[in-house]
Amino acid sequence: MVEFFDYRCPYCKVMAPRLAALIGKDRGLRLVMKEYPILSRESIFAAKVALVAARHGAYAEFHAAMFALSGPLDDQKTLRVAKTVGLQANKVRAELGDMEIAAEIRRNLALGQLIGVTGTPAFIVGHNIVPGAVSIVSAALWPFFPEPGRM
């Protein structure tokens, strides 16, 4: 399964613990995360920091911590999260300008546009695009996205 997400997306935030529960329940499930920062400049900054975190082996922790934040997202909150997962702000800032980071985000955006992703979250399950948390319910996939703690 592939998820296209934006760190500022409230529905992505709702889905994050459900996806974690699903992965915990089905160890055979592979989830590929695609940063899809479409909501704001802060979304792009957060996506870039996530990719820096991935380079340092801290992606999963960073991702979970980002969706655990409350209130509006800004660059300082994103850098604080990076620090909590062991990344130094000055090193993060130094890596943000790496052309490969920007290229990966461009590839994610191009892929999403090519396959018809129009918002976040969007999931690719098999050969099907399932857009949005609400659409998952209507697509009868909800049993596969249990409430956290309900298994």
Protein backbone atom coordinates (compact mmCIF):
# COMPACT_ATOMS: atom_id res chain seq x y z
CA MET A 1 0.00 0.00 0.00
CA VAL A 2 1.21 3.52 -0.78
CA GLU A 3 0.11 6.61 1.15
CA PHE A 4 0.41 10.14 -0.22
CA PHE A 5 0.26 12.53 2.73
CA ASP A 6 0.88 16.09 3.87
CA TYR A 7 2.02 16.88 7.41
CA ARG A 8 -0.53 19.72 7.59
CA CYS A 9 -3.43 17.48 6.53
CA PRO A 10 -5.87 16.86 9.41
CA TYR A 11 -7.22 13.70 7.78
CA CYS A 12 -3.69 12.35 7.40
CA LYS A 13 -3.26 12.94 11.12
CA VAL A 14 -6.42 10.93 11.82
CA MET A 15 -5.18 8.09 9.62
CA ALA A 16 -1.65 7.89 11.08
CA PRO A 17 -2.49 5.85 14.21
CA ARG A 18 -4.89 3.67 12.23
CA LEU A 19 -2.18 2.87 9.71
CA ALA A 20 0.23 2.10 12.55
CA ALA A 21 -2.34 -0.28 14.06
CA LEU A 22 -2.91 -1.92 10.69
CA ILE A 23 0.81 -2.46 10.16
CA GLY A 24 1.13 -3.84 13.68
CA LYS A 25 -1.68 -6.28 12.96
CA ASP A 26 -0.46 -7.42 9.53
CA ARG A 27 3.32 -7.79 9.44
CA GLY A 28 3.07 -8.79 5.78
CA LEU A 29 1.72 -5.40 4.79
CA ARG A 30 4.23 -3.02 3.27
CA LEU A 31 3.42 0.68 3.51
CA VAL A 32 5.31 3.09 1.27
CA MET A 33 5.09 6.69 2.41
CA LYS A 34 5.11 9.46 -0.19
CA GLU A 35 5.50 13.02 1.01
CA TYR A 36 2.94 15.01 -0.96
CA PRO A 37 3.26 18.57 0.38
CA ILE A 38 0.42 20.41 -1.33
CA LEU A 39 -1.08 22.52 1.44
CA SER A 40 1.55 25.16 2.20
CA ARG A 41 5.17 26.21 2.33
CA GLU A 42 5.28 24.72 5.85
CA SER A 43 4.19 21.40 4.33
CA ILE A 44 7.14 21.49 1.95
CA PHE A 45 9.56 22.33 4.77
CA ALA A 46 8.21 19.46 6.90
CA ALA A 47 8.46 17.03 3.97
CA LYS A 48 12.08 18.04 3.37
CA VAL A 49 12.94 17.59 7.06
CA ALA A 50 11.27 14.15 6.95
CA LEU A 51 13.54 13.14 4.09
CA VAL A 52 16.56 14.40 6.02
CA ALA A 53 15.37 12.32 9.00
CA ALA A 54 15.15 9.29 6.71
CA ARG A 55 18.81 9.73 5.77
CA HIS A 56 19.68 9.46 9.45
CA GLY A 57 17.48 6.47 10.24
CA ALA A 58 14.91 8.53 12.14
CA TYR A 59 12.04 8.63 9.63
CA ALA A 60 9.50 6.50 11.51
CA GLU A 61 10.02 8.39 14.76
CA PHE A 62 9.90 11.76 13.01
CA HIS A 63 6.75 10.84 11.08
CA ALA A 64 4.90 9.64 14.19
CA ALA A 65 5.98 12.69 16.19
CA MET A 66 4.86 15.09 13.45
CA PHE A 67 1.36 13.64 13.45
CA ALA A 68 1.28 13.75 17.25
CA LEU A 69 1.72 17.55 17.21
CA SER A 70 -1.18 19.79 18.13
CA GLY A 71 -1.94 23.20 16.73
CA PRO A 72 -0.80 24.77 13.49
CA LEU A 73 2.41 23.52 11.93
CA ASP A 74 5.33 25.89 11.46
CA ASP A 75 9.01 25.48 10.71
CA GLN A 76 10.07 25.86 14.34
CA LYS A 77 7.76 23.03 15.45
CA THR A 78 9.13 20.86 12.67
CA LEU A 79 12.71 21.56 13.79
CA ARG A 80 11.76 20.82 17.42
CA VAL A 81 10.41 17.44 16.32
CA ALA A 82 13.64 16.80 14.42
CA LYS A 83 15.57 17.57 17.59
CA THR A 84 13.42 15.16 19.64
CA VAL A 85 14.37 12.33 17.29
CA GLY A 86 18.07 13.12 17.59
CA LEU A 87 18.71 15.47 14.68
CA GLN A 88 20.57 18.74 15.17
CA ALA A 89 18.82 21.79 13.71
CA ASN A 90 21.98 23.20 12.11
CA LYS A 91 22.72 19.89 10.37
CA VAL A 92 19.10 19.57 9.24
CA ARG A 93 19.19 23.08 7.79
CA ALA A 94 22.45 22.28 5.99
CA GLU A 95 20.90 19.23 4.31
CA LEU A 96 17.63 20.92 3.33
CA GLY A 97 19.25 22.49 0.29
CA ASP A 98 20.39 19.15 -1.10
CA MET A 99 19.06 18.85 -4.64
CA GLU A 100 18.15 15.18 -4.12
CA ILE A 101 15.73 16.13 -1.32
CA ALA A 102 13.94 18.58 -3.62
CA ALA A 103 14.06 16.07 -6.48
CA GLU A 104 12.36 13.37 -4.41
CA ILE A 105 9.53 15.72 -3.50
CA ARG A 106 9.16 16.73 -7.16
CA ARG A 107 9.02 13.04 -8.13
CA ASN A 108 6.33 12.38 -5.51
CA LEU A 109 4.27 15.33 -6.74
CA ALA A 110 4.66 14.28 -10.37
CA LEU A 111 3.71 10.68 -9.59
CA GLY A 112 0.66 11.77 -7.63
CA GLN A 113 -0.48 14.02 -10.46
CA LEU A 114 0.14 11.30 -13.03
CA ILE A 115 -2.02 8.75 -11.22
CA GLY A 116 -4.74 11.19 -10.23
CA VAL A 117 -4.04 12.05 -6.60
CA THR A 118 -5.98 15.26 -5.94
CA GLY A 119 -5.67 15.57 -2.17
CA THR A 120 -4.38 13.97 0.98
CA PRO A 121 -4.46 11.40 2.27
CA ALA A 122 -4.61 9.21 -0.79
CA PHE A 123 -3.87 5.52 -0.81
CA ILE A 124 -2.91 3.09 -3.52
CA VAL A 125 -4.21 -0.33 -2.54
CA GLY A 126 -3.41 -2.89 -5.20
CA HIS A 127 -4.41 -1.15 -8.42
CA ASN A 128 -6.95 1.15 -6.77
CA ILE A 129 -6.63 4.77 -5.70
CA VAL A 130 -8.53 5.42 -2.49
CA PRO A 131 -8.69 9.19 -1.96
CA GLY A 132 -9.16 10.65 1.51
CA ALA A 133 -10.06 9.21 4.88
CA VAL A 134 -13.78 9.61 4.15
CA SER A 135 -13.49 7.70 0.88
CA ILE A 136 -11.91 4.80 2.70
CA VAL A 137 -15.15 4.36 4.62
CA SER A 138 -17.26 4.55 1.47
CA ALA A 139 -14.94 2.11 -0.30
CA ALA A 140 -15.66 -0.49 2.41
CA LEU A 141 -12.01 -0.58 3.41
CA TRP A 142 -12.63 0.68 6.92
CA PRO A 143 -12.26 -2.78 8.53
CA PHE A 144 -8.66 -2.65 7.38
CA PHE A 145 -8.10 0.65 9.21
CA PRO A 146 -9.05 -0.17 12.81
CA GLU A 147 -9.29 2.39 15.56
CA PRO A 148 -6.08 2.43 17.60
CA GLY A 149 -6.38 -0.16 20.33
CA ARG A 150 -9.23 -2.01 18.56
CA MET A 151 -7.98 -5.22 17.01
